[in-house]
Amino acid sequence: MAYDGAIRFSKIAGEKMKENNLDEQNTLINKAIAIVFELVSTLNEEIDPLLCARLRSLYAFVIDRLTLANIEQNPNYLAEAINVLGQLRESWAEAERKLQAENQPEAAA
């Protein structure tokens, strides 16, 4: 799942931030941002415009926080981005579980 990659890169970037390793931190945060931009590019307004607008706002917030974390060397911004990504990831995973449960044929008695 794309969220896993963005979260993983963000967490490792936080470790690099603590180590004051700015080059690796920057590379990792940019990878996380690229993943979020990819998520934005997959939104399909024709299917559900309201959902797309809400997701676009959340993705913009995450990109903003990742950018600020990188510029200001602030782990709190990084934590905010990771938190939102984690919540989104869990929401999609739950939706997938529900769809799978609905689509499974009833167990034979």
PDB file of N, CA and C in Angstrom:
ATOM      1  N   MET A   1       0.844  -1.175   0.000  1.00  0.00           N
ATOM      2  CA  MET A   1       0.000   0.000   0.000  1.00  0.00           C
ATOM      3  C   MET A   1       0.895   1.245   0.000  1.00  0.00           C
ATOM      4  N   ALA A   2       0.526   2.220  -0.794  1.00  0.00           N
ATOM      5  CA  ALA A   2       1.332   3.444  -0.913  1.00  0.00           C
ATOM      6  C   ALA A   2       1.502   4.142   0.429  1.00  0.00           C
ATOM      7  N   TYR A   3       0.459   4.080   1.240  1.00  0.00           N
ATOM      8  CA  TYR A   3       0.556   4.725   2.554  1.00  0.00           C
ATOM      9  C   TYR A   3       1.709   4.154   3.360  1.00  0.00           C
ATOM     10  N   ASP A   4       1.904   2.830   3.272  1.00  0.00           N
ATOM     11  CA  ASP A   4       2.988   2.199   4.027  1.00  0.00           C
ATOM     12  C   ASP A   4       4.345   2.781   3.642  1.00  0.00           C
ATOM     13  N   GLY A   5       4.547   2.989   2.356  1.00  0.00           N
ATOM     14  CA  GLY A   5       5.814   3.563   1.898  1.00  0.00           C
ATOM     15  C   GLY A   5       6.011   4.977   2.410  1.00  0.00           C
ATOM     16  N   ALA A   6       4.970   5.799   2.314  1.00  0.00           N
ATOM     17  CA  ALA A   6       5.078   7.187   2.781  1.00  0.00           C
ATOM     18  C   ALA A   6       5.337   7.235   4.283  1.00  0.00           C
ATOM     19  N   ILE A   7       4.654   6.364   5.020  1.00  0.00           N
ATOM     20  CA  ILE A   7       4.861   6.316   6.474  1.00  0.00           C
ATOM     21  C   ILE A   7       6.278   5.840   6.791  1.00  0.00           C
ATOM     22  N   ARG A   8       6.718   4.782   6.124  1.00  0.00           N
ATOM     23  CA  ARG A   8       8.066   4.248   6.362  1.00  0.00           C
ATOM     24  C   ARG A   8       9.137   5.304   6.076  1.00  0.00           C
ATOM     25  N   PHE A   9       9.047   5.962   4.918  1.00  0.00           N
ATOM     26  CA  PHE A   9      10.033   6.989   4.586  1.00  0.00           C
ATOM     27  C   PHE A   9      10.002   8.137   5.596  1.00  0.00           C
ATOM     28  N   SER A  10       8.811   8.504   6.048  1.00  0.00           N
ATOM     29  CA  SER A  10       8.686   9.602   7.019  1.00  0.00           C
ATOM     30  C   SER A  10       9.295   9.233   8.364  1.00  0.00           C
ATOM     31  N   LYS A  11       9.060   8.001   8.793  1.00  0.00           N
ATOM     32  CA  LYS A  11       9.627   7.570  10.076  1.00  0.00           C
ATOM     33  C   LYS A  11      11.150   7.513  10.015  1.00  0.00           C
ATOM     34  N   ILE A  12      11.674   6.993   8.932  1.00  0.00           N
ATOM     35  CA  ILE A  12      13.135   6.944   8.796  1.00  0.00           C
ATOM     36  C   ILE A  12      13.698   8.361   8.704  1.00  0.00           C
ATOM     37  N   ALA A  13      12.964   9.250   8.027  1.00  0.00           N
ATOM     38  CA  ALA A  13      13.400  10.655   7.950  1.00  0.00           C
ATOM     39  C   ALA A  13      13.472  11.265   9.343  1.00  0.00           C
ATOM     40  N   GLY A  14      12.536  10.887  10.213  1.00  0.00           N
ATOM     41  CA  GLY A  14      12.576  11.369  11.596  1.00  0.00           C
ATOM     42  C   GLY A  14      13.830  10.914  12.317  1.00  0.00           C
ATOM     43  N   GLU A  15      14.243   9.674  12.065  1.00  0.00           N
ATOM     44  CA  GLU A  15      15.486   9.179  12.654  1.00  0.00           C
ATOM     45  C   GLU A  15      16.681   9.970  12.131  1.00  0.00           C
ATOM     46  N   LYS A  16      16.669  10.243  10.831  1.00  0.00           N
ATOM     47  CA  LYS A  16      17.770  11.012  10.233  1.00  0.00           C
ATOM     48  C   LYS A  16      17.774  12.445  10.752  1.00  0.00           C
ATOM     49  N   MET A  17      16.581  12.969  11.039  1.00  0.00           N
ATOM     50  CA  MET A  17      16.477  14.318  11.597  1.00  0.00           C
ATOM     51  C   MET A  17      17.160  14.358  12.967  1.00  0.00           C
ATOM     52  N   LYS A  18      16.915  13.331  13.786  1.00  0.00           N
ATOM     53  CA  LYS A  18      17.544  13.262  15.104  1.00  0.00           C
ATOM     54  C   LYS A  18      19.060  13.164  14.991  1.00  0.00           C
ATOM     55  N   GLU A  19      19.527  12.476  13.947  1.00  0.00           N
ATOM     56  CA  GLU A  19      20.967  12.319  13.717  1.00  0.00           C
ATOM     57  C   GLU A  19      21.572  13.546  13.035  1.00  0.00           C
ATOM     58  N   ASN A  20      20.737  14.493  12.675  1.00  0.00           N
ATOM     59  CA  ASN A  20      21.156  15.698  11.950  1.00  0.00           C
ATOM     60  C   ASN A  20      21.769  15.347  10.588  1.00  0.00           C
ATOM     61  N   ASN A  21      21.252  14.298   9.979  1.00  0.00           N
ATOM     62  CA  ASN A  21      21.707  13.859   8.663  1.00  0.00           C
ATOM     63  C   ASN A  21      20.743  14.465   7.630  1.00  0.00           C
ATOM     64  N   LEU A  22      20.999  15.706   7.277  1.00  0.00           N
ATOM     65  CA  LEU A  22      20.065  16.464   6.454  1.00  0.00           C
ATOM     66  C   LEU A  22      19.895  15.912   5.046  1.00  0.00           C
ATOM     67  N   ASP A  23      20.957  15.400   4.455  1.00  0.00           N
ATOM     68  CA  ASP A  23      20.846  14.875   3.086  1.00  0.00           C
ATOM     69  C   ASP A  23      19.890  13.687   3.013  1.00  0.00           C
ATOM     70  N   GLU A  24      20.082  12.725   3.899  1.00  0.00           N
ATOM     71  CA  GLU A  24      19.202  11.552   3.884  1.00  0.00           C
ATOM     72  C   GLU A  24      17.784  11.925   4.308  1.00  0.00           C
ATOM     73  N   GLN A  25      17.679  12.794   5.288  1.00  0.00           N
ATOM     74  CA  GLN A  25      16.370  13.268   5.737  1.00  0.00           C
ATOM     75  C   GLN A  25      15.619  13.883   4.561  1.00  0.00           C
ATOM     76  N   ASN A  26      16.274  14.760   3.841  1.00  0.00           N
ATOM     77  CA  ASN A  26      15.665  15.429   2.698  1.00  0.00           C
ATOM     78  C   ASN A  26      15.227  14.427   1.634  1.00  0.00           C
ATOM     79  N   THR A  27      16.095  13.473   1.334  1.00  0.00           N
ATOM     80  CA  THR A  27      15.777  12.455   0.327  1.00  0.00           C
ATOM     81  C   THR A  27      14.547  11.651   0.741  1.00  0.00           C
ATOM     82  N   LEU A  28      14.493  11.239   1.992  1.00  0.00           N
ATOM     83  CA  LEU A  28      13.386  10.423   2.480  1.00  0.00           C
ATOM     84  C   LEU A  28      12.077  11.202   2.513  1.00  0.00           C
ATOM     85  N   ILE A  29      12.130  12.441   2.970  1.00  0.00           N
ATOM     86  CA  ILE A  29      10.911  13.250   2.992  1.00  0.00           C
ATOM     87  C   ILE A  29      10.426  13.506   1.570  1.00  0.00           C
ATOM     88  N   ASN A  30      11.340  13.751   0.660  1.00  0.00           N
ATOM     89  CA  ASN A  30      10.938  13.957  -0.735  1.00  0.00           C
ATOM     90  C   ASN A  30      10.305  12.702  -1.332  1.00  0.00           C
ATOM     91  N   LYS A  31      10.781  11.530  -0.926  1.00  0.00           N
ATOM     92  CA  LYS A  31      10.156  10.279  -1.380  1.00  0.00           C
ATOM     93  C   LYS A  31       8.734  10.166  -0.842  1.00  0.00           C
ATOM     94  N   ALA A  32       8.554  10.514   0.430  1.00  0.00           N
ATOM     95  CA  ALA A  32       7.212  10.479   1.024  1.00  0.00           C
ATOM     96  C   ALA A  32       6.281  11.462   0.315  1.00  0.00           C
ATOM     97  N   ILE A  33       6.785  12.658   0.040  1.00  0.00           N
ATOM     98  CA  ILE A  33       5.987  13.663  -0.669  1.00  0.00           C
ATOM     99  C   ILE A  33       5.619  13.157  -2.062  1.00  0.00           C
ATOM    100  N   ALA A  34       6.550  12.524  -2.750  1.00  0.00           N
ATOM    101  CA  ALA A  34       6.277  11.996  -4.088  1.00  0.00           C
ATOM    102  C   ALA A  34       5.157  10.955  -4.048  1.00  0.00           C
ATOM    103  N   ILE A  35       5.150  10.137  -3.021  1.00  0.00           N
ATOM    104  CA  ILE A  35       4.093   9.138  -2.889  1.00  0.00           C
ATOM    105  C   ILE A  35       2.744   9.830  -2.681  1.00  0.00           C
ATOM    106  N   VAL A  36       2.718  10.850  -1.841  1.00  0.00           N
ATOM    107  CA  VAL A  36       1.455  11.555  -1.597  1.00  0.00           C
ATOM    108  C   VAL A  36       0.985  12.249  -2.871  1.00  0.00           C
ATOM    109  N   PHE A  37       1.898  12.834  -3.633  1.00  0.00           N
ATOM    110  CA  PHE A  37       1.510  13.432  -4.917  1.00  0.00           C
ATOM    111  C   PHE A  37       0.943  12.366  -5.859  1.00  0.00           C
ATOM    112  N   GLU A  38       1.499  11.176  -5.820  1.00  0.00           N
ATOM    113  CA  GLU A  38       0.970  10.086  -6.637  1.00  0.00           C
ATOM    114  C   GLU A  38      -0.446   9.729  -6.197  1.00  0.00           C
ATOM    115  N   LEU A  39      -0.680   9.722  -4.888  1.00  0.00           N
ATOM    116  CA  LEU A  39      -2.032   9.471  -4.389  1.00  0.00           C
ATOM    117  C   LEU A  39      -3.005  10.543  -4.885  1.00  0.00           C
ATOM    118  N   VAL A  40      -2.568  11.794  -4.885  1.00  0.00           N
ATOM    119  CA  VAL A  40      -3.412  12.885  -5.393  1.00  0.00           C
ATOM    120  C   VAL A  40      -3.754  12.640  -6.862  1.00  0.00           C
ATOM    121  N   SER A  41      -2.778  12.187  -7.625  1.00  0.00           N
ATOM    122  CA  SER A  41      -2.990  12.003  -9.070  1.00  0.00           C
ATOM    123  C   SER A  41      -3.964  10.866  -9.380  1.00  0.00           C
ATOM    124  N   THR A  42      -4.212   9.986  -8.413  1.00  0.00           N
ATOM    125  CA  THR A  42      -5.127   8.868  -8.660  1.00  0.00           C
ATOM    126  C   THR A  42      -6.577   9.195  -8.320  1.00  0.00           C
ATOM    127  N   LEU A  43      -6.823  10.358  -7.742  1.00  0.00           N
ATOM    128  CA  LEU A  43      -8.195  10.714  -7.373  1.00  0.00           C
ATOM    129  C   LEU A  43      -9.051  10.863  -8.628  1.00  0.00           C
ATOM    130  N   ASN A  44     -10.228  10.279  -8.597  1.00  0.00           N
ATOM    131  CA  ASN A  44     -11.140  10.321  -9.741  1.00  0.00           C
ATOM    132  C   ASN A  44     -12.403  11.081  -9.347  1.00  0.00           C
ATOM    133  N   GLU A  45     -12.450  12.330  -9.735  1.00  0.00           N
ATOM    134  CA  GLU A  45     -13.569  13.214  -9.391  1.00  0.00           C
ATOM    135  C   GLU A  45     -14.905  12.688  -9.905  1.00  0.00           C
ATOM    136  N   GLU A  46     -14.884  11.938 -11.003  1.00  0.00           N
ATOM    137  CA  GLU A  46     -16.135  11.463 -11.596  1.00  0.00           C
ATOM    138  C   GLU A  46     -16.840  10.446 -10.703  1.00  0.00           C
ATOM    139  N   ILE A  47     -16.091   9.709  -9.924  1.00  0.00           N
ATOM    140  CA  ILE A  47     -16.690   8.673  -9.084  1.00  0.00           C
ATOM    141  C   ILE A  47     -17.305   9.270  -7.823  1.00  0.00           C
ATOM    142  N   ASP A  48     -16.535  10.116  -7.125  1.00  0.00           N
ATOM    143  CA  ASP A  48     -17.042  10.709  -5.880  1.00  0.00           C
ATOM    144  C   ASP A  48     -16.338  12.047  -5.634  1.00  0.00           C
ATOM    145  N   PRO A  49     -16.906  13.131  -6.165  1.00  0.00           N
ATOM    146  CA  PRO A  49     -16.250  14.438  -6.047  1.00  0.00           C
ATOM    147  C   PRO A  49     -16.024  14.881  -4.602  1.00  0.00           C
ATOM    148  N   LEU A  50     -16.984  14.605  -3.718  1.00  0.00           N
ATOM    149  CA  LEU A  50     -16.843  15.031  -2.330  1.00  0.00           C
ATOM    150  C   LEU A  50     -15.704  14.290  -1.633  1.00  0.00           C
ATOM    151  N   LEU A  51     -15.644  12.980  -1.822  1.00  0.00           N
ATOM    152  CA  LEU A  51     -14.553  12.202  -1.243  1.00  0.00           C
ATOM    153  C   LEU A  51     -13.208  12.673  -1.779  1.00  0.00           C
ATOM    154  N   CYS A  52     -13.140  12.925  -3.075  1.00  0.00           N
ATOM    155  CA  CYS A  52     -11.889  13.401  -3.682  1.00  0.00           C
ATOM    156  C   CYS A  52     -11.461  14.739  -3.096  1.00  0.00           C
ATOM    157  N   ALA A  53     -12.414  15.632  -2.894  1.00  0.00           N
ATOM    158  CA  ALA A  53     -12.093  16.944  -2.319  1.00  0.00           C
ATOM    159  C   ALA A  53     -11.556  16.792  -0.902  1.00  0.00           C
ATOM    160  N   ARG A  54     -12.168  15.913  -0.139  1.00  0.00           N
ATOM    161  CA  ARG A  54     -11.710  15.698   1.245  1.00  0.00           C
ATOM    162  C   ARG A  54     -10.325  15.059   1.278  1.00  0.00           C
ATOM    163  N   LEU A  55     -10.125  14.062   0.433  1.00  0.00           N
ATOM    164  CA  LEU A  55      -8.808  13.435   0.369  1.00  0.00           C
ATOM    165  C   LEU A  55      -7.749  14.413  -0.117  1.00  0.00           C
ATOM    166  N   ARG A  56      -8.086  15.220  -1.115  1.00  0.00           N
ATOM    167  CA  ARG A  56      -7.142  16.210  -1.630  1.00  0.00           C
ATOM    168  C   ARG A  56      -6.721  17.172  -0.513  1.00  0.00           C
ATOM    169  N   SER A  57      -7.668  17.571   0.331  1.00  0.00           N
ATOM    170  CA  SER A  57      -7.346  18.459   1.457  1.00  0.00           C
ATOM    171  C   SER A  57      -6.418  17.778   2.452  1.00  0.00           C
ATOM    172  N   LEU A  58      -6.698  16.521   2.748  1.00  0.00           N
ATOM    173  CA  LEU A  58      -5.828  15.784   3.670  1.00  0.00           C
ATOM    174  C   LEU A  58      -4.435  15.597   3.084  1.00  0.00           C
ATOM    175  N   TYR A  59      -4.372  15.264   1.800  1.00  0.00           N
ATOM    176  CA  TYR A  59      -3.071  15.098   1.158  1.00  0.00           C
ATOM    177  C   TYR A  59      -2.293  16.421   1.139  1.00  0.00           C
ATOM    178  N   ALA A  60      -2.998  17.525   0.899  1.00  0.00           N
ATOM    179  CA  ALA A  60      -2.333  18.842   0.910  1.00  0.00           C
ATOM    180  C   ALA A  60      -1.779  19.138   2.301  1.00  0.00           C
ATOM    181  N   PHE A  61      -2.534  18.791   3.336  1.00  0.00           N
ATOM    182  CA  PHE A  61      -2.064  18.980   4.707  1.00  0.00           C
ATOM    183  C   PHE A  61      -0.801  18.160   4.956  1.00  0.00           C
ATOM    184  N   VAL A  62      -0.822  16.904   4.530  1.00  0.00           N
ATOM    185  CA  VAL A  62       0.339  16.023   4.724  1.00  0.00           C
ATOM    186  C   VAL A  62       1.561  16.582   3.991  1.00  0.00           C
ATOM    187  N   ILE A  63       1.375  17.005   2.757  1.00  0.00           N
ATOM    188  CA  ILE A  63       2.489  17.572   1.987  1.00  0.00           C
ATOM    189  C   ILE A  63       3.027  18.825   2.681  1.00  0.00           C
ATOM    190  N   ASP A  64       2.117  19.656   3.174  1.00  0.00           N
ATOM    191  CA  ASP A  64       2.521  20.867   3.891  1.00  0.00           C
ATOM    192  C   ASP A  64       3.348  20.519   5.128  1.00  0.00           C
ATOM    193  N   ARG A  65       2.874  19.549   5.906  1.00  0.00           N
ATOM    194  CA  ARG A  65       3.581  19.165   7.131  1.00  0.00           C
ATOM    195  C   ARG A  65       4.941  18.539   6.835  1.00  0.00           C
ATOM    196  N   LEU A  66       4.996  17.704   5.818  1.00  0.00           N
ATOM    197  CA  LEU A  66       6.285  17.107   5.455  1.00  0.00           C
ATOM    198  C   LEU A  66       7.270  18.180   5.004  1.00  0.00           C
ATOM    199  N   THR A  67       6.778  19.128   4.221  1.00  0.00           N
ATOM    200  CA  THR A  67       7.634  20.216   3.744  1.00  0.00           C
ATOM    201  C   THR A  67       8.132  21.061   4.908  1.00  0.00           C
ATOM    202  N   LEU A  68       7.220  21.428   5.825  1.00  0.00           N
ATOM    203  CA  LEU A  68       7.627  22.225   6.987  1.00  0.00           C
ATOM    204  C   LEU A  68       8.602  21.460   7.883  1.00  0.00           C
ATOM    205  N   ALA A  69       8.356  20.162   8.048  1.00  0.00           N
ATOM    206  CA  ALA A  69       9.274  19.354   8.855  1.00  0.00           C
ATOM    207  C   ALA A  69      10.674  19.399   8.269  1.00  0.00           C
ATOM    208  N   ASN A  70      10.743  19.324   6.962  1.00  0.00           N
ATOM    209  CA  ASN A  70      12.035  19.326   6.283  1.00  0.00           C
ATOM    210  C   ASN A  70      12.712  20.693   6.374  1.00  0.00           C
ATOM    211  N   ILE A  71      11.966  21.737   6.171  1.00  0.00           N
ATOM    212  CA  ILE A  71      12.543  23.087   6.179  1.00  0.00           C
ATOM    213  C   ILE A  71      12.948  23.525   7.583  1.00  0.00           C
ATOM    214  N   GLU A  72      12.050  23.275   8.545  1.00  0.00           N
ATOM    215  CA  GLU A  72      12.261  23.785   9.900  1.00  0.00           C
ATOM    216  C   GLU A  72      12.917  22.776  10.841  1.00  0.00           C
ATOM    217  N   GLN A  73      13.202  21.571  10.329  1.00  0.00           N
ATOM    218  CA  GLN A  73      13.799  20.520  11.161  1.00  0.00           C
ATOM    219  C   GLN A  73      12.934  20.275  12.401  1.00  0.00           C
ATOM    220  N   ASN A  74      11.623  20.195  12.173  1.00  0.00           N
ATOM    221  CA  ASN A  74      10.685  20.068  13.272  1.00  0.00           C
ATOM    222  C   ASN A  74      10.025  18.689  13.246  1.00  0.00           C
ATOM    223  N   PRO A  75      10.372  17.824  14.200  1.00  0.00           N
ATOM    224  CA  PRO A  75       9.796  16.476  14.219  1.00  0.00           C
ATOM    225  C   PRO A  75       8.298  16.467  14.509  1.00  0.00           C
ATOM    226  N   ASN A  76       7.775  17.524  15.115  1.00  0.00           N
ATOM    227  CA  ASN A  76       6.339  17.585  15.392  1.00  0.00           C
ATOM    228  C   ASN A  76       5.530  17.620  14.097  1.00  0.00           C
ATOM    229  N   TYR A  77       6.018  18.343  13.112  1.00  0.00           N
ATOM    230  CA  TYR A  77       5.335  18.370  11.816  1.00  0.00           C
ATOM    231  C   TYR A  77       5.377  16.996  11.160  1.00  0.00           C
ATOM    232  N   LEU A  78       6.489  16.345  11.298  1.00  0.00           N
ATOM    233  CA  LEU A  78       6.640  15.000  10.743  1.00  0.00           C
ATOM    234  C   LEU A  78       5.655  14.043  11.419  1.00  0.00           C
ATOM    235  N   ALA A  79       5.524  14.157  12.727  1.00  0.00           N
ATOM    236  CA  ALA A  79       4.592  13.305  13.476  1.00  0.00           C
ATOM    237  C   ALA A  79       3.149  13.550  13.033  1.00  0.00           C
ATOM    238  N   GLU A  80       2.799  14.807  12.771  1.00  0.00           N
ATOM    239  CA  GLU A  80       1.445  15.116  12.301  1.00  0.00           C
ATOM    240  C   GLU A  80       1.176  14.452  10.956  1.00  0.00           C
ATOM    241  N   ALA A  81       2.140  14.512  10.063  1.00  0.00           N
ATOM    242  CA  ALA A  81       1.981  13.888   8.744  1.00  0.00           C
ATOM    243  C   ALA A  81       1.842  12.378   8.879  1.00  0.00           C
ATOM    244  N   ILE A  82       2.678  11.782   9.701  1.00  0.00           N
ATOM    245  CA  ILE A  82       2.633  10.333   9.910  1.00  0.00           C
ATOM    246  C   ILE A  82       1.292   9.934  10.515  1.00  0.00           C
ATOM    247  N   ASN A  83       0.788  10.719  11.440  1.00  0.00           N
ATOM    248  CA  ASN A  83      -0.496  10.427  12.069  1.00  0.00           C
ATOM    249  C   ASN A  83      -1.628  10.416  11.038  1.00  0.00           C
ATOM    250  N   VAL A  84      -1.686  11.428  10.187  1.00  0.00           N
ATOM    251  CA  VAL A  84      -2.739  11.491   9.169  1.00  0.00           C
ATOM    252  C   VAL A  84      -2.599  10.332   8.189  1.00  0.00           C
ATOM    253  N   LEU A  85      -1.382  10.075   7.742  1.00  0.00           N
ATOM    254  CA  LEU A  85      -1.158   8.960   6.814  1.00  0.00           C
ATOM    255  C   LEU A  85      -1.578   7.634   7.453  1.00  0.00           C
ATOM    256  N   GLY A  86      -1.267   7.463   8.719  1.00  0.00           N
ATOM    257  CA  GLY A  86      -1.646   6.240   9.414  1.00  0.00           C
ATOM    258  C   GLY A  86      -3.152   6.077   9.516  1.00  0.00           C
ATOM    259  N   GLN A  87      -3.840   7.167   9.801  1.00  0.00           N
ATOM    260  CA  GLN A  87      -5.297   7.108   9.883  1.00  0.00           C
ATOM    261  C   GLN A  87      -5.915   6.801   8.522  1.00  0.00           C
ATOM    262  N   LEU A  88      -5.377   7.422   7.479  1.00  0.00           N
ATOM    263  CA  LEU A  88      -5.874   7.143   6.130  1.00  0.00           C
ATOM    264  C   LEU A  88      -5.616   5.688   5.755  1.00  0.00           C
ATOM    265  N   ARG A  89      -4.442   5.208   6.078  1.00  0.00           N
ATOM    266  CA  ARG A  89      -4.095   3.823   5.767  1.00  0.00           C
ATOM    267  C   ARG A  89      -5.053   2.866   6.456  1.00  0.00           C
ATOM    268  N   GLU A  90      -5.302   3.109   7.733  1.00  0.00           N
ATOM    269  CA  GLU A  90      -6.205   2.231   8.481  1.00  0.00           C
ATOM    270  C   GLU A  90      -7.632   2.319   7.940  1.00  0.00           C
ATOM    271  N   SER A  91      -8.076   3.486   7.543  1.00  0.00           N
ATOM    272  CA  SER A  91      -9.422   3.640   6.980  1.00  0.00           C
ATOM    273  C   SER A  91      -9.579   2.833   5.695  1.00  0.00           C
ATOM    274  N   TRP A  92      -8.592   2.919   4.816  1.00  0.00           N
ATOM    275  CA  TRP A  92      -8.662   2.148   3.568  1.00  0.00           C
ATOM    276  C   TRP A  92      -8.560   0.654   3.839  1.00  0.00           C
ATOM    277  N   ALA A  93      -7.732   0.257   4.798  1.00  0.00           N
ATOM    278  CA  ALA A  93      -7.614  -1.168   5.135  1.00  0.00           C
ATOM    279  C   ALA A  93      -8.944  -1.689   5.682  1.00  0.00           C
ATOM    280  N   GLU A  94      -9.605  -0.904   6.503  1.00  0.00           N
ATOM    281  CA  GLU A  94     -10.912  -1.301   7.045  1.00  0.00           C
ATOM    282  C   GLU A  94     -11.948  -1.396   5.933  1.00  0.00           C
ATOM    283  N   ALA A  95     -11.935  -0.450   5.016  1.00  0.00           N
ATOM    284  CA  ALA A  95     -12.867  -0.498   3.881  1.00  0.00           C
ATOM    285  C   ALA A  95     -12.629  -1.755   3.050  1.00  0.00           C
ATOM    286  N   GLU A  96     -11.378  -2.105   2.857  1.00  0.00           N
ATOM    287  CA  GLU A  96     -11.043  -3.313   2.091  1.00  0.00           C
ATOM    288  C   GLU A  96     -11.530  -4.562   2.813  1.00  0.00           C
ATOM    289  N   ARG A  97     -11.337  -4.611   4.135  1.00  0.00           N
ATOM    290  CA  ARG A  97     -11.805  -5.768   4.910  1.00  0.00           C
ATOM    291  C   ARG A  97     -13.327  -5.910   4.804  1.00  0.00           C
ATOM    292  N   LYS A  98     -14.032  -4.794   4.888  1.00  0.00           N
ATOM    293  CA  LYS A  98     -15.493  -4.832   4.791  1.00  0.00           C
ATOM    294  C   LYS A  98     -15.941  -5.302   3.415  1.00  0.00           C
ATOM    295  N   LEU A  99     -15.279  -4.806   2.373  1.00  0.00           N
ATOM    296  CA  LEU A  99     -15.641  -5.240   1.024  1.00  0.00           C
ATOM    297  C   LEU A  99     -15.393  -6.728   0.827  1.00  0.00           C
ATOM    298  N   GLN A 100     -14.282  -7.195   1.342  1.00  0.00           N
ATOM    299  CA  GLN A 100     -13.976  -8.620   1.222  1.00  0.00           C
ATOM    300  C   GLN A 100     -15.001  -9.464   1.969  1.00  0.00           C
ATOM    301  N   ALA A 101     -15.396  -9.013   3.144  1.00  0.00           N
ATOM    302  CA  ALA A 101     -16.391  -9.747   3.927  1.00  0.00           C
ATOM    303  C   ALA A 101     -17.740  -9.775   3.216  1.00  0.00           C
ATOM    304  N   GLU A 102     -18.098  -8.661   2.586  1.00  0.00           N
ATOM    305  CA  GLU A 102     -19.370  -8.591   1.865  1.00  0.00           C
ATOM    306  C   GLU A 102     -19.359  -9.467   0.611  1.00  0.00           C
ATOM    307  N   ASN A 103     -18.212  -9.595  -0.005  1.00  0.00           N
ATOM    308  CA  ASN A 103     -18.108 -10.321  -1.261  1.00  0.00           C
ATOM    309  C   ASN A 103     -17.842 -11.814  -1.097  1.00  0.00           C
ATOM    310  N   GLN A 104     -17.581 -12.254   0.122  1.00  0.00           N
ATOM    311  CA  GLN A 104     -17.320 -13.679   0.330  1.00  0.00           C
ATOM    312  C   GLN A 104     -18.652 -14.422   0.334  1.00  0.00           C
ATOM    313  N   PRO A 105     -18.697 -15.536  -0.368  1.00  0.00           N
ATOM    314  CA  PRO A 105     -19.931 -16.322  -0.333  1.00  0.00           C
ATOM    315  C   PRO A 105     -20.176 -16.846   1.084  1.00  0.00           C
ATOM    316  N   GLU A 106     -21.430 -16.957   1.421  1.00  0.00           N
ATOM    317  CA  GLU A 106     -21.758 -17.439   2.751  1.00  0.00           C
ATOM    318  C   GLU A 106     -21.193 -18.847   2.925  1.00  0.00           C
ATOM    319  N   ALA A 107     -20.669 -19.100   4.099  1.00  0.00           N
ATOM    320  CA  ALA A 107     -20.064 -20.407   4.379  1.00  0.00           C
ATOM    321  C   ALA A 107     -21.128 -21.491   4.292  1.00  0.00           C
ATOM    322  N   ALA A 108     -20.727 -22.578   3.703  1.00  0.00           N
ATOM    323  CA  ALA A 108     -21.657 -23.691   3.581  1.00  0.00           C
ATOM    324  C   ALA A 108     -21.945 -24.259   4.968  1.00  0.00           C
ATOM    325  N   ALA A 109     -23.190 -24.549   5.194  1.00  0.00           N
ATOM    326  CA  ALA A 109     -23.583 -25.036   6.523  1.00  0.00           C
ATOM    327  C   ALA A 109     -23.359 -26.515   6.665  1.00  0.00           C
TER     328      ALA A 109
END
